[in-house]
Amino acid sequence: MTQLKLSPYTQQRRIADRFAAFHAENPAVYDELVALARRAADRGHKRMGIDMLFNVIRWNRMLATTDDGTGFKLNDHYRSHYSRLIMAQEPDLDGMFETRKLSAP
């Protein structure tokens, strides 16, 4: 019997693990999200949704990232992970995004 070899993206892994792999392979996504959030903050915006920034990146880059095998190039499941990471690593953006308890690890 031949065993099907799956890529790391198609194996059953936690969303957090898939996010970590995607983030490592696509660091420019984080940089773009931070730049967009700072632009909004500089214009006086105190809070915003990460989904709006995701859509700006999708539009501007025309989905030019490494595909994660799910059919999404910027997977919506990663939004909450990016918002938390940005607020943890960028003190000037702490509190910019509303977060809720993660339902899936």
PDB file of N, CA and C in Angstrom:
ATOM      1  N   MET A   1       0.834  -1.171   0.000  1.00  0.00           N
ATOM      2  CA  MET A   1       0.000   0.000   0.000  1.00  0.00           C
ATOM      3  C   MET A   1       0.885   1.243   0.000  1.00  0.00           C
ATOM      4  N   THR A   2       0.617   2.168  -0.901  1.00  0.00           N
ATOM      5  CA  THR A   2       1.375   3.403  -1.011  1.00  0.00           C
ATOM      6  C   THR A   2       0.814   4.434  -0.042  1.00  0.00           C
ATOM      7  N   GLN A   3       1.692   5.048   0.696  1.00  0.00           N
ATOM      8  CA  GLN A   3       1.268   6.058   1.654  1.00  0.00           C
ATOM      9  C   GLN A   3       1.342   7.428   1.004  1.00  0.00           C
ATOM     10  N   LEU A   4       0.269   8.183   1.135  1.00  0.00           N
ATOM     11  CA  LEU A   4       0.214   9.534   0.608  1.00  0.00           C
ATOM     12  C   LEU A   4       1.046  10.442   1.492  1.00  0.00           C
ATOM     13  N   LYS A   5       1.961  11.169   0.879  1.00  0.00           N
ATOM     14  CA  LYS A   5       2.808  12.087   1.638  1.00  0.00           C
ATOM     15  C   LYS A   5       2.152  13.464   1.610  1.00  0.00           C
ATOM     16  N   LEU A   6       1.825  13.979   2.780  1.00  0.00           N
ATOM     17  CA  LEU A   6       1.171  15.272   2.889  1.00  0.00           C
ATOM     18  C   LEU A   6       2.181  16.361   3.203  1.00  0.00           C
ATOM     19  N   SER A   7       1.922  17.535   2.667  1.00  0.00           N
ATOM     20  CA  SER A   7       2.775  18.669   3.007  1.00  0.00           C
ATOM     21  C   SER A   7       2.478  19.087   4.442  1.00  0.00           C
ATOM     22  N   PRO A   8       3.369  19.859   5.051  1.00  0.00           N
ATOM     23  CA  PRO A   8       3.125  20.298   6.428  1.00  0.00           C
ATOM     24  C   PRO A   8       1.826  21.084   6.561  1.00  0.00           C
ATOM     25  N   TYR A   9       1.393  21.755   5.494  1.00  0.00           N
ATOM     26  CA  TYR A   9       0.180  22.557   5.567  1.00  0.00           C
ATOM     27  C   TYR A   9      -1.085  21.718   5.532  1.00  0.00           C
ATOM     28  N   THR A  10      -1.056  20.549   4.932  1.00  0.00           N
ATOM     29  CA  THR A  10      -2.275  19.762   4.812  1.00  0.00           C
ATOM     30  C   THR A  10      -2.429  18.745   5.922  1.00  0.00           C
ATOM     31  N   GLN A  11      -1.411  18.545   6.722  1.00  0.00           N
ATOM     32  CA  GLN A  11      -1.538  17.638   7.855  1.00  0.00           C
ATOM     33  C   GLN A  11      -2.478  18.267   8.869  1.00  0.00           C
ATOM     34  N   GLN A  12      -3.136  17.406   9.635  1.00  0.00           N
ATOM     35  CA  GLN A  12      -4.020  17.908  10.678  1.00  0.00           C
ATOM     36  C   GLN A  12      -3.170  18.492  11.795  1.00  0.00           C
ATOM     37  N   ARG A  13      -3.101  19.796  11.826  1.00  0.00           N
ATOM     38  CA  ARG A  13      -2.327  20.477  12.853  1.00  0.00           C
ATOM     39  C   ARG A  13      -3.177  21.584  13.447  1.00  0.00           C
ATOM     40  N   ARG A  14      -2.823  21.989  14.615  1.00  0.00           N
ATOM     41  CA  ARG A  14      -3.536  23.079  15.260  1.00  0.00           C
ATOM     42  C   ARG A  14      -3.384  24.360  14.444  1.00  0.00           C
ATOM     43  N   ILE A  15      -4.384  25.210  14.527  1.00  0.00           N
ATOM     44  CA  ILE A  15      -4.323  26.485  13.818  1.00  0.00           C
ATOM     45  C   ILE A  15      -3.085  27.267  14.239  1.00  0.00           C
ATOM     46  N   ALA A  16      -2.761  27.239  15.522  1.00  0.00           N
ATOM     47  CA  ALA A  16      -1.588  27.965  16.007  1.00  0.00           C
ATOM     48  C   ALA A  16      -0.313  27.466  15.343  1.00  0.00           C
ATOM     49  N   ASP A  17      -0.212  26.169  15.133  1.00  0.00           N
ATOM     50  CA  ASP A  17       0.966  25.602  14.472  1.00  0.00           C
ATOM     51  C   ASP A  17       1.012  26.021  13.000  1.00  0.00           C
ATOM     52  N   ARG A  18      -0.140  25.981  12.348  1.00  0.00           N
ATOM     53  CA  ARG A  18      -0.195  26.397  10.939  1.00  0.00           C
ATOM     54  C   ARG A  18       0.124  27.883  10.805  1.00  0.00           C
ATOM     55  N   PHE A  19      -0.396  28.680  11.762  1.00  0.00           N
ATOM     56  CA  PHE A  19      -0.083  30.105  11.754  1.00  0.00           C
ATOM     57  C   PHE A  19       1.422  30.323  11.902  1.00  0.00           C
ATOM     58  N   ALA A  20       2.037  29.647  12.850  1.00  0.00           N
ATOM     59  CA  ALA A  20       3.475  29.812  13.085  1.00  0.00           C
ATOM     60  C   ALA A  20       4.274  29.491  11.824  1.00  0.00           C
ATOM     61  N   ALA A  21       3.898  28.431  11.131  1.00  0.00           N
ATOM     62  CA  ALA A  21       4.593  28.058   9.895  1.00  0.00           C
ATOM     63  C   ALA A  21       4.379  29.117   8.816  1.00  0.00           C
ATOM     64  N   PHE A  22       3.134  29.577   8.671  1.00  0.00           N
ATOM     65  CA  PHE A  22       2.829  30.600   7.672  1.00  0.00           C
ATOM     66  C   PHE A  22       3.592  31.884   7.979  1.00  0.00           C
ATOM     67  N   HIS A  23       3.573  32.299   9.234  1.00  0.00           N
ATOM     68  CA  HIS A  23       4.255  33.529   9.647  1.00  0.00           C
ATOM     69  C   HIS A  23       5.763  33.432   9.368  1.00  0.00           C
ATOM     70  N   ALA A  24       6.352  32.293   9.645  1.00  0.00           N
ATOM     71  CA  ALA A  24       7.785  32.104   9.399  1.00  0.00           C
ATOM     72  C   ALA A  24       8.117  32.189   7.908  1.00  0.00           C
ATOM     73  N   GLU A  25       7.220  31.695   7.071  1.00  0.00           N
ATOM     74  CA  GLU A  25       7.467  31.689   5.631  1.00  0.00           C
ATOM     75  C   GLU A  25       7.056  32.997   4.953  1.00  0.00           C
ATOM     76  N   ASN A  26       6.256  33.807   5.634  1.00  0.00           N
ATOM     77  CA  ASN A  26       5.736  35.036   5.031  1.00  0.00           C
ATOM     78  C   ASN A  26       5.859  36.212   6.002  1.00  0.00           C
ATOM     79  N   PRO A  27       7.081  36.561   6.423  1.00  0.00           N
ATOM     80  CA  PRO A  27       7.236  37.638   7.404  1.00  0.00           C
ATOM     81  C   PRO A  27       6.754  38.992   6.899  1.00  0.00           C
ATOM     82  N   ALA A  28       6.682  39.173   5.603  1.00  0.00           N
ATOM     83  CA  ALA A  28       6.225  40.453   5.051  1.00  0.00           C
ATOM     84  C   ALA A  28       4.766  40.734   5.392  1.00  0.00           C
ATOM     85  N   VAL A  29       3.976  39.689   5.613  1.00  0.00           N
ATOM     86  CA  VAL A  29       2.574  39.893   5.982  1.00  0.00           C
ATOM     87  C   VAL A  29       2.502  40.647   7.311  1.00  0.00           C
ATOM     88  N   TYR A  30       3.274  40.213   8.292  1.00  0.00           N
ATOM     89  CA  TYR A  30       3.326  40.889   9.591  1.00  0.00           C
ATOM     90  C   TYR A  30       3.756  42.342   9.406  1.00  0.00           C
ATOM     91  N   ASP A  31       4.808  42.551   8.641  1.00  0.00           N
ATOM     92  CA  ASP A  31       5.318  43.905   8.421  1.00  0.00           C
ATOM     93  C   ASP A  31       4.260  44.807   7.795  1.00  0.00           C
ATOM     94  N   GLU A  32       3.522  44.271   6.835  1.00  0.00           N
ATOM     95  CA  GLU A  32       2.465  45.054   6.185  1.00  0.00           C
ATOM     96  C   GLU A  32       1.330  45.364   7.150  1.00  0.00           C
ATOM     97  N   LEU A  33       0.944  44.387   7.958  1.00  0.00           N
ATOM     98  CA  LEU A  33      -0.117  44.615   8.939  1.00  0.00           C
ATOM     99  C   LEU A  33       0.290  45.704   9.929  1.00  0.00           C
ATOM    100  N   VAL A  34       1.516  45.644  10.414  1.00  0.00           N
ATOM    101  CA  VAL A  34       2.006  46.647  11.355  1.00  0.00           C
ATOM    102  C   VAL A  34       2.028  48.029  10.700  1.00  0.00           C
ATOM    103  N   ALA A  35       2.527  48.106   9.476  1.00  0.00           N
ATOM    104  CA  ALA A  35       2.592  49.393   8.782  1.00  0.00           C
ATOM    105  C   ALA A  35       1.195  49.990   8.592  1.00  0.00           C
ATOM    106  N   LEU A  36       0.240  49.161   8.204  1.00  0.00           N
ATOM    107  CA  LEU A  36      -1.128  49.648   8.015  1.00  0.00           C
ATOM    108  C   LEU A  36      -1.739  50.101   9.341  1.00  0.00           C
ATOM    109  N   ALA A  37      -1.530  49.335  10.396  1.00  0.00           N
ATOM    110  CA  ALA A  37      -2.074  49.702  11.704  1.00  0.00           C
ATOM    111  C   ALA A  37      -1.459  51.011  12.194  1.00  0.00           C
ATOM    112  N   ARG A  38      -0.169  51.184  11.983  1.00  0.00           N
ATOM    113  CA  ARG A  38       0.479  52.421  12.402  1.00  0.00           C
ATOM    114  C   ARG A  38      -0.015  53.615  11.596  1.00  0.00           C
ATOM    115  N   ARG A  39      -0.270  53.392  10.329  1.00  0.00           N
ATOM    116  CA  ARG A  39      -0.821  54.469   9.505  1.00  0.00           C
ATOM    117  C   ARG A  39      -2.165  54.924  10.053  1.00  0.00           C
ATOM    118  N   ALA A  40      -2.997  53.964  10.416  1.00  0.00           N
ATOM    119  CA  ALA A  40      -4.303  54.291  10.987  1.00  0.00           C
ATOM    120  C   ALA A  40      -4.137  54.993  12.334  1.00  0.00           C
ATOM    121  N   ALA A  41      -3.222  54.494  13.161  1.00  0.00           N
ATOM    122  CA  ALA A  41      -2.985  55.110  14.471  1.00  0.00           C
ATOM    123  C   ALA A  41      -2.489  56.547  14.310  1.00  0.00           C
ATOM    124  N   ASP A  42      -1.618  56.770  13.336  1.00  0.00           N
ATOM    125  CA  ASP A  42      -1.101  58.118  13.085  1.00  0.00           C
ATOM    126  C   ASP A  42      -2.203  59.079  12.664  1.00  0.00           C
ATOM    127  N   ARG A  43      -3.279  58.547  12.103  1.00  0.00           N
ATOM    128  CA  ARG A  43      -4.428  59.366  11.685  1.00  0.00           C
ATOM    129  C   ARG A  43      -5.457  59.499  12.802  1.00  0.00           C
ATOM    130  N   GLY A  44      -5.112  58.999  13.998  1.00  0.00           N
ATOM    131  CA  GLY A  44      -5.980  59.184  15.149  1.00  0.00           C
ATOM    132  C   GLY A  44      -6.886  58.019  15.494  1.00  0.00           C
ATOM    133  N   HIS A  45      -6.806  56.935  14.758  1.00  0.00           N
ATOM    134  CA  HIS A  45      -7.647  55.778  15.050  1.00  0.00           C
ATOM    135  C   HIS A  45      -7.065  55.008  16.236  1.00  0.00           C
ATOM    136  N   LYS A  46      -7.900  54.771  17.232  1.00  0.00           N
ATOM    137  CA  LYS A  46      -7.458  54.072  18.444  1.00  0.00           C
ATOM    138  C   LYS A  46      -7.737  52.575  18.388  1.00  0.00           C
ATOM    139  N   ARG A  47      -8.778  52.179  17.659  1.00  0.00           N
ATOM    140  CA  ARG A  47      -9.176  50.763  17.553  1.00  0.00           C
ATOM    141  C   ARG A  47      -9.541  50.479  16.106  1.00  0.00           C
ATOM    142  N   MET A  48      -9.301  49.249  15.700  1.00  0.00           N
ATOM    143  CA  MET A  48      -9.695  48.825  14.352  1.00  0.00           C
ATOM    144  C   MET A  48      -9.766  47.311  14.292  1.00  0.00           C
ATOM    145  N   GLY A  49     -10.370  46.805  13.249  1.00  0.00           N
ATOM    146  CA  GLY A  49     -10.466  45.366  13.056  1.00  0.00           C
ATOM    147  C   GLY A  49      -9.334  44.851  12.186  1.00  0.00           C
ATOM    148  N   ILE A  50      -8.749  43.758  12.607  1.00  0.00           N
ATOM    149  CA  ILE A  50      -7.657  43.151  11.841  1.00  0.00           C
ATOM    150  C   ILE A  50      -8.149  42.673  10.480  1.00  0.00           C
ATOM    151  N   ASP A  51      -9.443  42.334  10.387  1.00  0.00           N
ATOM    152  CA  ASP A  51      -9.980  41.846   9.113  1.00  0.00           C
ATOM    153  C   ASP A  51      -9.895  42.915   8.027  1.00  0.00           C
ATOM    154  N   MET A  52     -10.070  44.186   8.384  1.00  0.00           N
ATOM    155  CA  MET A  52      -9.948  45.256   7.397  1.00  0.00           C
ATOM    156  C   MET A  52      -8.531  45.289   6.839  1.00  0.00           C
ATOM    157  N   LEU A  53      -7.547  45.138   7.707  1.00  0.00           N
ATOM    158  CA  LEU A  53      -6.154  45.157   7.256  1.00  0.00           C
ATOM    159  C   LEU A  53      -5.839  43.951   6.377  1.00  0.00           C
ATOM    160  N   PHE A  54      -6.390  42.794   6.741  1.00  0.00           N
ATOM    161  CA  PHE A  54      -6.212  41.606   5.907  1.00  0.00           C
ATOM    162  C   PHE A  54      -6.714  41.857   4.492  1.00  0.00           C
ATOM    163  N   ASN A  55      -7.872  42.482   4.386  1.00  0.00           N
ATOM    164  CA  ASN A  55      -8.448  42.731   3.066  1.00  0.00           C
ATOM    165  C   ASN A  55      -7.658  43.756   2.270  1.00  0.00           C
ATOM    166  N   VAL A  56      -7.074  44.729   2.934  1.00  0.00           N
ATOM    167  CA  VAL A  56      -6.208  45.685   2.242  1.00  0.00           C
ATOM    168  C   VAL A  56      -4.989  44.958   1.667  1.00  0.00           C
ATOM    169  N   ILE A  57      -4.400  44.079   2.469  1.00  0.00           N
ATOM    170  CA  ILE A  57      -3.243  43.325   1.982  1.00  0.00           C
ATOM    171  C   ILE A  57      -3.641  42.420   0.821  1.00  0.00           C
ATOM    172  N   ARG A  58      -4.771  41.747   0.952  1.00  0.00           N
ATOM    173  CA  ARG A  58      -5.238  40.888  -0.152  1.00  0.00           C
ATOM    174  C   ARG A  58      -5.359  41.701  -1.433  1.00  0.00           C
ATOM    175  N   TRP A  59      -5.919  42.860  -1.327  1.00  0.00           N
ATOM    176  CA  TRP A  59      -6.108  43.704  -2.504  1.00  0.00           C
ATOM    177  C   TRP A  59      -4.761  44.158  -3.057  1.00  0.00           C
ATOM    178  N   ASN A  60      -3.911  44.705  -2.198  1.00  0.00           N
ATOM    179  CA  ASN A  60      -2.641  45.271  -2.647  1.00  0.00           C
ATOM    180  C   ASN A  60      -1.675  44.224  -3.189  1.00  0.00           C
ATOM    181  N   ARG A  61      -1.651  43.083  -2.597  1.00  0.00           N
ATOM    182  CA  ARG A  61      -0.687  42.056  -3.011  1.00  0.00           C
ATOM    183  C   ARG A  61      -1.263  41.053  -3.985  1.00  0.00           C
ATOM    184  N   MET A  62      -2.572  41.115  -4.184  1.00  0.00           N
ATOM    185  CA  MET A  62      -3.251  40.175  -5.077  1.00  0.00           C
ATOM    186  C   MET A  62      -2.910  38.725  -4.701  1.00  0.00           C
ATOM    187  N   LEU A  63      -2.877  38.497  -3.386  1.00  0.00           N
ATOM    188  CA  LEU A  63      -2.667  37.167  -2.821  1.00  0.00           C
ATOM    189  C   LEU A  63      -1.320  36.547  -3.171  1.00  0.00           C
ATOM    190  N   ALA A  64      -0.297  37.363  -3.219  1.00  0.00           N
ATOM    191  CA  ALA A  64       1.034  36.885  -3.586  1.00  0.00           C
ATOM    192  C   ALA A  64       1.802  36.369  -2.371  1.00  0.00           C
ATOM    193  N   THR A  65       1.267  35.330  -1.725  1.00  0.00           N
ATOM    194  CA  THR A  65       1.953  34.700  -0.604  1.00  0.00           C
ATOM    195  C   THR A  65       2.035  33.212  -0.867  1.00  0.00           C
ATOM    196  N   THR A  66       2.751  32.514  -0.027  1.00  0.00           N
ATOM    197  CA  THR A  66       2.846  31.072  -0.141  1.00  0.00           C
ATOM    198  C   THR A  66       1.497  30.455   0.207  1.00  0.00           C
ATOM    199  N   ASP A  67       0.947  29.642  -0.664  1.00  0.00           N
ATOM    200  CA  ASP A  67      -0.351  29.007  -0.432  1.00  0.00           C
ATOM    201  C   ASP A  67      -0.225  27.983   0.680  1.00  0.00           C
ATOM    202  N   ASP A  68      -1.200  27.975   1.599  1.00  0.00           N
ATOM    203  CA  ASP A  68      -1.141  27.032   2.719  1.00  0.00           C
ATOM    204  C   ASP A  68      -1.898  25.742   2.445  1.00  0.00           C
ATOM    205  N   GLY A  69      -2.362  25.529   1.220  1.00  0.00           N
ATOM    206  CA  GLY A  69      -3.006  24.278   0.850  1.00  0.00           C
ATOM    207  C   GLY A  69      -4.494  24.223   1.132  1.00  0.00           C
ATOM    208  N   THR A  70      -5.054  25.245   1.773  1.00  0.00           N
ATOM    209  CA  THR A  70      -6.473  25.234   2.097  1.00  0.00           C
ATOM    210  C   THR A  70      -7.292  26.004   1.074  1.00  0.00           C
ATOM    211  N   GLY A  71      -6.655  26.601   0.106  1.00  0.00           N
ATOM    212  CA  GLY A  71      -7.359  27.421  -0.859  1.00  0.00           C
ATOM    213  C   GLY A  71      -7.330  28.900  -0.499  1.00  0.00           C
ATOM    214  N   PHE A  72      -6.852  29.240   0.678  1.00  0.00           N
ATOM    215  CA  PHE A  72      -6.718  30.630   1.090  1.00  0.00           C
ATOM    216  C   PHE A  72      -5.242  30.975   1.139  1.00  0.00           C
ATOM    217  N   LYS A  73      -4.901  32.108   0.579  1.00  0.00           N
ATOM    218  CA  LYS A  73      -3.504  32.520   0.666  1.00  0.00           C
ATOM    219  C   LYS A  73      -3.257  33.314   1.932  1.00  0.00           C
ATOM    220  N   LEU A  74      -4.243  34.072   2.375  1.00  0.00           N
ATOM    221  CA  LEU A  74      -4.198  34.722   3.676  1.00  0.00           C
ATOM    222  C   LEU A  74      -5.368  34.155   4.447  1.00  0.00           C
ATOM    223  N   ASN A  75      -5.122  33.129   5.175  1.00  0.00           N
ATOM    224  CA  ASN A  75      -6.171  32.379   5.856  1.00  0.00           C
ATOM    225  C   ASN A  75      -6.804  33.219   6.966  1.00  0.00           C
ATOM    226  N   ASP A  76      -8.130  33.371   6.921  1.00  0.00           N
ATOM    227  CA  ASP A  76      -8.834  34.150   7.935  1.00  0.00           C
ATOM    228  C   ASP A  76      -8.607  33.628   9.348  1.00  0.00           C
ATOM    229  N   HIS A  77      -8.301  32.350   9.477  1.00  0.00           N
ATOM    230  CA  HIS A  77      -8.065  31.789  10.804  1.00  0.00           C
ATOM    231  C   HIS A  77      -6.825  32.372  11.487  1.00  0.00           C
ATOM    232  N   TYR A  78      -5.985  33.033  10.719  1.00  0.00           N
ATOM    233  CA  TYR A  78      -4.762  33.598  11.276  1.00  0.00           C
ATOM    234  C   TYR A  78      -4.950  35.021  11.804  1.00  0.00           C
ATOM    235  N   ARG A  79      -6.096  35.626  11.537  1.00  0.00           N
ATOM    236  CA  ARG A  79      -6.305  37.026  11.934  1.00  0.00           C
ATOM    237  C   ARG A  79      -6.109  37.229  13.429  1.00  0.00           C
ATOM    238  N   SER A  80      -6.738  36.393  14.239  1.00  0.00           N
ATOM    239  CA  SER A  80      -6.637  36.592  15.692  1.00  0.00           C
ATOM    240  C   SER A  80      -5.207  36.385  16.184  1.00  0.00           C
ATOM    241  N   HIS A  81      -4.483  35.486  15.542  1.00  0.00           N
ATOM    242  CA  HIS A  81      -3.093  35.255  15.935  1.00  0.00           C
ATOM    243  C   HIS A  81      -2.227  36.464  15.570  1.00  0.00           C
ATOM    244  N   TYR A  82      -2.478  37.034  14.386  1.00  0.00           N
ATOM    245  CA  TYR A  82      -1.727  38.228  14.010  1.00  0.00           C
ATOM    246  C   TYR A  82      -2.050  39.394  14.932  1.00  0.00           C
ATOM    247  N   SER A  83      -3.322  39.606  15.259  1.00  0.00           N
ATOM    248  CA  SER A  83      -3.667  40.744  16.115  1.00  0.00           C
ATOM    249  C   SER A  83      -3.003  40.610  17.483  1.00  0.00           C
ATOM    250  N   ARG A  84      -3.000  39.416  18.037  1.00  0.00           N
ATOM    251  CA  ARG A  84      -2.352  39.196  19.340  1.00  0.00           C
ATOM    252  C   ARG A  84      -0.836  39.376  19.250  1.00  0.00           C
ATOM    253  N   LEU A  85      -0.241  38.848  18.194  1.00  0.00           N
ATOM    254  CA  LEU A  85       1.206  38.969  18.016  1.00  0.00           C
ATOM    255  C   LEU A  85       1.609  40.431  17.861  1.00  0.00           C
ATOM    256  N   ILE A  86       0.883  41.160  17.056  1.00  0.00           N
ATOM    257  CA  ILE A  86       1.197  42.580  16.842  1.00  0.00           C
ATOM    258  C   ILE A  86       1.100  43.353  18.159  1.00  0.00           C
ATOM    259  N   MET A  87       0.026  43.151  18.899  1.00  0.00           N
ATOM    260  CA  MET A  87      -0.137  43.897  20.152  1.00  0.00           C
ATOM    261  C   MET A  87       0.905  43.493  21.189  1.00  0.00           C
ATOM    262  N   ALA A  88       1.376  42.255  21.139  1.00  0.00           N
ATOM    263  CA  ALA A  88       2.407  41.805  22.080  1.00  0.00           C
ATOM    264  C   ALA A  88       3.786  42.344  21.715  1.00  0.00           C
ATOM    265  N   GLN A  89       4.064  42.483  20.421  1.00  0.00           N
ATOM    266  CA  GLN A  89       5.408  42.867  19.989  1.00  0.00           C
ATOM    267  C   GLN A  89       5.568  44.344  19.655  1.00  0.00           C
ATOM    268  N   GLU A  90       4.460  45.043  19.489  1.00  0.00           N
ATOM    269  CA  GLU A  90       4.516  46.454  19.099  1.00  0.00           C
ATOM    270  C   GLU A  90       3.811  47.274  20.179  1.00  0.00           C
ATOM    271  N   PRO A  91       4.551  47.786  21.163  1.00  0.00           N
ATOM    272  CA  PRO A  91       3.926  48.491  22.287  1.00  0.00           C
ATOM    273  C   PRO A  91       3.017  49.643  21.867  1.00  0.00           C
ATOM    274  N   ASP A  92       3.362  50.330  20.786  1.00  0.00           N
ATOM    275  CA  ASP A  92       2.535  51.450  20.345  1.00  0.00           C
ATOM    276  C   ASP A  92       1.190  50.996  19.768  1.00  0.00           C
ATOM    277  N   LEU A  93       1.052  49.705  19.473  1.00  0.00           N
ATOM    278  CA  LEU A  93      -0.209  49.182  18.927  1.00  0.00           C
ATOM    279  C   LEU A  93      -0.960  48.318  19.935  1.00  0.00           C
ATOM    280  N   ASP A  94      -0.470  48.272  21.170  1.00  0.00           N
ATOM    281  CA  ASP A  94      -1.158  47.490  22.201  1.00  0.00           C
ATOM    282  C   ASP A  94      -2.567  48.060  22.405  1.00  0.00           C
ATOM    283  N   GLY A  95      -3.564  47.201  22.329  1.00  0.00           N
ATOM    284  CA  GLY A  95      -4.948  47.621  22.498  1.00  0.00           C
ATOM    285  C   GLY A  95      -5.627  48.054  21.214  1.00  0.00           C
ATOM    286  N   MET A  96      -4.909  48.032  20.092  1.00  0.00           N
ATOM    287  CA  MET A  96      -5.481  48.476  18.814  1.00  0.00           C
ATOM    288  C   MET A  96      -6.597  47.554  18.334  1.00  0.00           C
ATOM    289  N   PHE A  97      -6.463  46.257  18.609  1.00  0.00           N
ATOM    290  CA  PHE A  97      -7.422  45.281  18.101  1.00  0.00           C
ATOM    291  C   PHE A  97      -8.222  44.672  19.238  1.00  0.00           C
ATOM    292  N   GLU A  98      -9.494  44.472  19.000  1.00  0.00           N
ATOM    293  CA  GLU A  98     -10.326  43.762  19.967  1.00  0.00           C
ATOM    294  C   GLU A  98     -10.079  42.273  19.793  1.00  0.00           C
ATOM    295  N   THR A  99      -9.886  41.590  20.900  1.00  0.00           N
ATOM    296  CA  THR A  99      -9.692  40.142  20.827  1.00  0.00           C
ATOM    297  C   THR A  99     -10.684  39.453  21.740  1.00  0.00           C
ATOM    298  N   ARG A 100     -10.975  38.235  21.400  1.00  0.00           N
ATOM    299  CA  ARG A 100     -11.842  37.383  22.208  1.00  0.00           C
ATOM    300  C   ARG A 100     -11.060  36.119  22.538  1.00  0.00           C
ATOM    301  N   LYS A 101     -11.604  35.338  23.415  1.00  0.00           N
ATOM    302  CA  LYS A 101     -10.966  34.069  23.767  1.00  0.00           C
ATOM    303  C   LYS A 101     -10.862  33.190  22.523  1.00  0.00           C
ATOM    304  N   LEU A 102      -9.702  32.584  22.325  1.00  0.00           N
ATOM    305  CA  LEU A 102      -9.513  31.700  21.197  1.00  0.00           C
ATOM    306  C   LEU A 102     -10.355  30.438  21.402  1.00  0.00           C
ATOM    307  N   SER A 103     -11.119  30.075  20.377  1.00  0.00           N
ATOM    308  CA  SER A 103     -11.943  28.853  20.497  1.00  0.00           C
ATOM    309  C   SER A 103     -11.206  27.621  20.023  1.00  0.00           C
ATOM    310  N   ALA A 104     -10.235  27.808  19.147  1.00  0.00           N
ATOM    311  CA  ALA A 104      -9.437  26.686  18.663  1.00  0.00           C
ATOM    312  C   ALA A 104      -7.980  27.007  18.930  1.00  0.00           C
ATOM    313  N   PRO A 105      -7.222  26.024  19.373  1.00  0.00           N
ATOM    314  CA  PRO A 105      -5.794  26.283  19.648  1.00  0.00           C
ATOM    315  C   PRO A 105      -5.013  26.514  18.380  1.00  0.00           C
TER     316      PRO A 105
END
